[in-house]
Each structure stands twice: as structure tokens, then as C-alpha cells.
């Protein structure tokens, strides 16, 4: 069974103040980190009609804790890097 994670991201002011060229280089790094945790990036972009600034769709071959492990590392939870660029996320899981 394939699982899709639709992740809405509210970015920090530090991220939003960066020039667009720098921001465009950061998001692909997140995709590489996702690969490390068994996630394929389907697409990403700027959502409309919501409070968040970025939406990323990840896909996994099965439902497991790989997405949670990815989020912990991605957001730097429990480290000084926590919430450096991403203030919070909201994820919709689709089976």
C-alpha cells in the first residue's frame, strides 16, 4: 500500500527573509533527507488559502514511523537547530 504525506509548512521569518535563490537551494536538501528515510518527494510548491507558506507531498511504500523519524531530523527537534526555518508543520496522511 502506498501512503502519501501532504505536509504544509509555516516558515520562519529567517527563512522568508532569505533571497529566493537561497530558499530554492534549501528545499531540495529536505528531499534528500526524505530519501534517507524512505520517502519520495512527489511535488512541492506554495499553497493558497492556508496559513502555511510551503506544501510538500511525500510518498512512502508503506505506513510506518519513517515519516516521524524524517520529521524529527528535518526539524532538528531537541537540538539548537529546531525551528530554524520551519516554524511548524501540518500533515495530512492519505492511504
N, C-alpha and C. Protein backbone atom coordinates (compact mmCIF):
# COMPACT_ATOMS: atom_id res chain seq x y z
N UNK A 1 0.84 -1.18 0.00
CA UNK A 1 0.00 0.00 0.00
C UNK A 1 0.89 1.25 0.00
N UNK A 2 0.59 2.17 -0.87
CA UNK A 2 1.30 3.45 -0.91
C UNK A 2 0.65 4.43 0.06
N UNK A 3 1.46 5.24 0.68
CA UNK A 3 0.99 6.27 1.60
C UNK A 3 1.55 7.61 1.12
N UNK A 4 0.71 8.63 1.09
CA UNK A 4 1.13 9.97 0.70
C UNK A 4 0.98 10.88 1.92
N UNK A 5 2.02 11.67 2.17
CA UNK A 5 2.01 12.65 3.25
C UNK A 5 1.98 14.04 2.61
N UNK A 6 0.92 14.79 2.84
CA UNK A 6 0.82 16.15 2.34
C UNK A 6 1.20 17.05 3.51
N UNK A 7 2.36 17.65 3.43
CA UNK A 7 2.92 18.40 4.56
C UNK A 7 2.88 19.91 4.27
N UNK A 8 2.11 20.63 5.07
CA UNK A 8 2.05 22.08 4.98
C UNK A 8 3.05 22.66 5.98
N UNK A 9 3.86 23.61 5.55
CA UNK A 9 4.93 24.16 6.38
C UNK A 9 4.77 25.66 6.57
N UNK A 10 4.72 26.08 7.81
CA UNK A 10 4.75 27.51 8.14
C UNK A 10 6.22 27.85 8.36
N UNK A 11 6.75 28.70 7.51
CA UNK A 11 8.16 29.02 7.55
C UNK A 11 8.45 30.15 8.55
N UNK A 12 9.68 30.16 9.07
CA UNK A 12 10.10 31.21 9.99
C UNK A 12 10.45 32.48 9.22
N UNK A 13 10.52 33.58 9.92
CA UNK A 13 10.90 34.83 9.27
C UNK A 13 12.34 34.75 8.76
N UNK A 14 13.20 33.98 9.43
CA UNK A 14 14.58 33.80 8.95
C UNK A 14 14.59 33.19 7.55
N UNK A 15 13.72 32.21 7.32
CA UNK A 15 13.63 31.58 6.01
C UNK A 15 13.04 32.55 5.00
N UNK A 16 11.97 33.22 5.35
CA UNK A 16 11.26 34.10 4.42
C UNK A 16 12.07 35.33 4.04
N UNK A 17 13.02 35.74 4.88
CA UNK A 17 13.87 36.90 4.58
C UNK A 17 14.99 36.56 3.60
N UNK A 18 15.27 35.28 3.43
CA UNK A 18 16.35 34.87 2.53
C UNK A 18 15.97 35.17 1.08
N UNK A 19 16.95 35.50 0.25
CA UNK A 19 16.67 35.68 -1.17
C UNK A 19 16.10 34.39 -1.76
N UNK A 20 15.26 34.52 -2.76
CA UNK A 20 14.59 33.36 -3.37
C UNK A 20 15.60 32.31 -3.82
N UNK A 21 16.76 32.74 -4.32
CA UNK A 21 17.78 31.79 -4.77
C UNK A 21 18.26 30.89 -3.64
N UNK A 22 18.42 31.45 -2.45
CA UNK A 22 18.84 30.66 -1.29
C UNK A 22 17.73 29.71 -0.84
N UNK A 23 16.50 30.20 -0.85
CA UNK A 23 15.37 29.35 -0.45
C UNK A 23 15.23 28.17 -1.41
N UNK A 24 15.44 28.41 -2.69
CA UNK A 24 15.32 27.35 -3.69
C UNK A 24 16.38 26.26 -3.50
N UNK A 25 17.50 26.59 -2.86
CA UNK A 25 18.55 25.61 -2.60
C UNK A 25 18.29 24.79 -1.34
N UNK A 26 17.50 25.32 -0.43
CA UNK A 26 17.24 24.63 0.85
C UNK A 26 16.24 23.49 0.67
N UNK A 27 15.17 23.72 -0.05
CA UNK A 27 14.11 22.71 -0.17
C UNK A 27 14.62 21.39 -0.77
N UNK A 28 15.45 21.40 -1.82
CA UNK A 28 15.98 20.11 -2.31
C UNK A 28 16.78 19.33 -1.26
N UNK A 29 17.38 20.01 -0.31
CA UNK A 29 18.09 19.33 0.78
C UNK A 29 17.10 18.53 1.62
N UNK A 30 15.90 19.06 1.79
CA UNK A 30 14.87 18.34 2.54
C UNK A 30 14.46 17.08 1.80
N UNK A 31 14.42 17.17 0.47
CA UNK A 31 14.06 16.00 -0.33
C UNK A 31 15.10 14.89 -0.19
N UNK A 32 16.36 15.27 -0.16
CA UNK A 32 17.44 14.29 0.03
C UNK A 32 17.32 13.62 1.40
N UNK A 33 17.01 14.40 2.41
CA UNK A 33 16.81 13.85 3.74
C UNK A 33 15.63 12.88 3.75
N UNK A 34 14.58 13.23 3.03
CA UNK A 34 13.43 12.34 2.91
C UNK A 34 13.82 11.00 2.30
N UNK A 35 14.67 11.03 1.26
CA UNK A 35 15.14 9.78 0.63
C UNK A 35 15.82 8.88 1.64
N UNK A 36 16.60 9.51 2.52
CA UNK A 36 17.31 8.75 3.56
C UNK A 36 16.32 7.97 4.43
N UNK A 37 15.12 8.50 4.58
CA UNK A 37 14.10 7.86 5.42
C UNK A 37 13.04 7.12 4.60
N UNK A 38 13.35 6.85 3.33
CA UNK A 38 12.44 6.06 2.50
C UNK A 38 11.26 6.82 1.93
N UNK A 39 11.40 8.14 1.83
CA UNK A 39 10.32 8.97 1.30
C UNK A 39 10.70 9.50 -0.08
N UNK A 40 9.76 9.45 -0.98
CA UNK A 40 9.94 10.03 -2.32
C UNK A 40 9.16 11.34 -2.34
N UNK A 41 9.77 12.42 -2.83
CA UNK A 41 9.07 13.68 -2.97
C UNK A 41 8.30 13.66 -4.27
N UNK A 42 6.99 13.83 -4.19
CA UNK A 42 6.15 13.86 -5.39
C UNK A 42 6.13 15.25 -6.02
N UNK A 43 5.97 16.27 -5.20
CA UNK A 43 5.94 17.65 -5.68
C UNK A 43 6.02 18.59 -4.49
N UNK A 44 6.26 19.84 -4.77
CA UNK A 44 6.23 20.87 -3.72
C UNK A 44 5.87 22.20 -4.36
N UNK A 45 5.42 23.14 -3.53
CA UNK A 45 5.06 24.44 -4.06
C UNK A 45 4.52 25.34 -2.97
N UNK A 46 3.87 26.42 -3.40
CA UNK A 46 3.30 27.39 -2.49
C UNK A 46 1.79 27.23 -2.49
N UNK A 47 1.21 26.86 -1.34
CA UNK A 47 -0.23 26.67 -1.28
C UNK A 47 -0.97 28.01 -1.19
N UNK A 48 -2.22 28.00 -1.58
CA UNK A 48 -3.06 29.19 -1.41
C UNK A 48 -4.24 28.83 -0.52
N UNK A 49 -4.74 29.81 0.20
CA UNK A 49 -5.90 29.59 1.04
C UNK A 49 -5.61 28.98 2.39
N UNK A 50 -4.34 28.86 2.75
CA UNK A 50 -3.95 28.33 4.06
C UNK A 50 -2.90 29.26 4.66
N UNK A 51 -2.61 29.10 5.94
CA UNK A 51 -1.64 29.96 6.62
C UNK A 51 -0.19 29.59 6.35
N UNK A 52 0.03 28.39 5.86
CA UNK A 52 1.39 27.92 5.64
C UNK A 52 1.97 28.49 4.33
N UNK A 53 3.30 28.46 4.22
CA UNK A 53 4.00 29.04 3.08
C UNK A 53 4.43 28.02 2.03
N UNK A 54 4.62 26.77 2.44
CA UNK A 54 5.13 25.73 1.55
C UNK A 54 4.31 24.47 1.75
N UNK A 55 4.06 23.73 0.67
CA UNK A 55 3.46 22.40 0.78
C UNK A 55 4.38 21.42 0.05
N UNK A 56 4.62 20.28 0.67
CA UNK A 56 5.46 19.23 0.08
C UNK A 56 4.69 17.92 0.18
N UNK A 57 4.66 17.17 -0.91
CA UNK A 57 3.99 15.86 -0.90
C UNK A 57 5.06 14.77 -0.98
N UNK A 58 5.06 13.92 0.05
CA UNK A 58 5.98 12.78 0.11
C UNK A 58 5.18 11.50 -0.08
N UNK A 59 5.84 10.48 -0.59
CA UNK A 59 5.22 9.17 -0.76
C UNK A 59 6.12 8.11 -0.14
N UNK A 60 5.48 7.13 0.46
CA UNK A 60 6.20 6.00 1.05
C UNK A 60 5.53 4.71 0.60
N UNK A 61 6.30 3.65 0.50
CA UNK A 61 5.75 2.36 0.06
C UNK A 61 4.86 1.72 1.10
N UNK A 62 5.02 2.13 2.35
CA UNK A 62 4.19 1.57 3.41
C UNK A 62 4.05 2.58 4.54
N UNK A 63 3.03 2.40 5.34
CA UNK A 63 2.83 3.26 6.50
C UNK A 63 3.74 2.76 7.62
N UNK A 64 4.59 3.62 8.10
CA UNK A 64 5.48 3.24 9.21
C UNK A 64 5.91 4.51 9.92
N UNK A 65 6.86 4.36 10.82
CA UNK A 65 7.32 5.54 11.54
C UNK A 65 8.42 6.28 10.79
N UNK A 66 8.68 5.92 9.52
CA UNK A 66 9.74 6.60 8.78
C UNK A 66 9.46 8.09 8.60
N UNK A 67 8.20 8.45 8.43
CA UNK A 67 7.87 9.87 8.28
C UNK A 67 8.15 10.63 9.58
N UNK A 68 7.83 10.01 10.71
CA UNK A 68 8.09 10.66 12.00
C UNK A 68 9.59 10.82 12.24
N UNK A 69 10.37 9.79 11.89
CA UNK A 69 11.83 9.89 12.03
C UNK A 69 12.37 10.99 11.13
N UNK A 70 11.84 11.06 9.90
CA UNK A 70 12.24 12.13 8.98
C UNK A 70 11.94 13.49 9.59
N UNK A 71 10.72 13.68 10.11
CA UNK A 71 10.34 14.98 10.67
C UNK A 71 11.23 15.38 11.83
N UNK A 72 11.55 14.43 12.70
CA UNK A 72 12.41 14.75 13.85
C UNK A 72 13.76 15.27 13.38
N UNK A 73 14.34 14.58 12.39
CA UNK A 73 15.65 15.01 11.88
C UNK A 73 15.52 16.31 11.08
N UNK A 74 14.52 16.39 10.22
CA UNK A 74 14.31 17.55 9.36
C UNK A 74 14.13 18.82 10.18
N UNK A 75 13.31 18.76 11.22
CA UNK A 75 13.02 19.94 12.03
C UNK A 75 14.03 20.16 13.14
N UNK A 76 14.99 19.23 13.28
CA UNK A 76 16.01 19.39 14.31
C UNK A 76 15.44 19.35 15.71
N UNK A 77 14.37 18.59 15.91
CA UNK A 77 13.73 18.57 17.23
C UNK A 77 14.71 18.12 18.30
N UNK A 78 14.71 18.83 19.41
CA UNK A 78 15.61 18.51 20.51
C UNK A 78 17.02 19.04 20.30
N UNK A 79 17.23 19.88 19.30
CA UNK A 79 18.55 20.43 19.03
C UNK A 79 18.47 21.95 18.90
N UNK A 80 19.62 22.63 18.93
CA UNK A 80 19.61 24.08 18.73
C UNK A 80 19.08 24.51 17.36
N UNK A 81 19.06 23.59 16.40
CA UNK A 81 18.56 23.89 15.06
C UNK A 81 17.03 23.84 14.98
N UNK A 82 16.37 23.40 16.02
CA UNK A 82 14.90 23.25 15.99
C UNK A 82 14.24 24.57 15.59
N UNK A 83 13.35 24.46 14.63
CA UNK A 83 12.56 25.59 14.15
C UNK A 83 13.40 26.72 13.55
N UNK A 84 14.56 26.36 12.99
CA UNK A 84 15.41 27.37 12.35
C UNK A 84 14.71 27.96 11.12
N UNK A 85 14.16 27.09 10.27
CA UNK A 85 13.48 27.55 9.06
C UNK A 85 11.99 27.22 9.04
N UNK A 86 11.60 26.15 9.73
CA UNK A 86 10.20 25.72 9.72
C UNK A 86 9.62 25.94 11.11
N UNK A 87 8.65 26.84 11.20
CA UNK A 87 8.03 27.15 12.49
C UNK A 87 7.18 25.98 12.97
N UNK A 88 6.31 25.47 12.08
CA UNK A 88 5.51 24.29 12.40
C UNK A 88 5.03 23.65 11.10
N UNK A 89 4.59 22.40 11.24
CA UNK A 89 4.06 21.68 10.08
C UNK A 89 2.70 21.10 10.42
N UNK A 90 1.96 20.82 9.38
CA UNK A 90 0.65 20.17 9.49
C UNK A 90 0.62 19.15 8.37
N UNK A 91 0.37 17.90 8.70
CA UNK A 91 0.45 16.84 7.71
C UNK A 91 -0.88 16.10 7.58
N UNK A 92 -1.25 15.86 6.34
CA UNK A 92 -2.42 15.03 6.02
C UNK A 92 -1.88 13.73 5.45
N UNK A 93 -2.26 12.61 6.03
CA UNK A 93 -1.83 11.29 5.58
C UNK A 93 -2.93 10.67 4.74
N UNK A 94 -2.58 10.24 3.53
CA UNK A 94 -3.56 9.64 2.62
C UNK A 94 -3.13 8.21 2.31
N UNK A 95 -4.01 7.24 2.57
CA UNK A 95 -3.72 5.82 2.30
C UNK A 95 -4.30 5.42 0.97
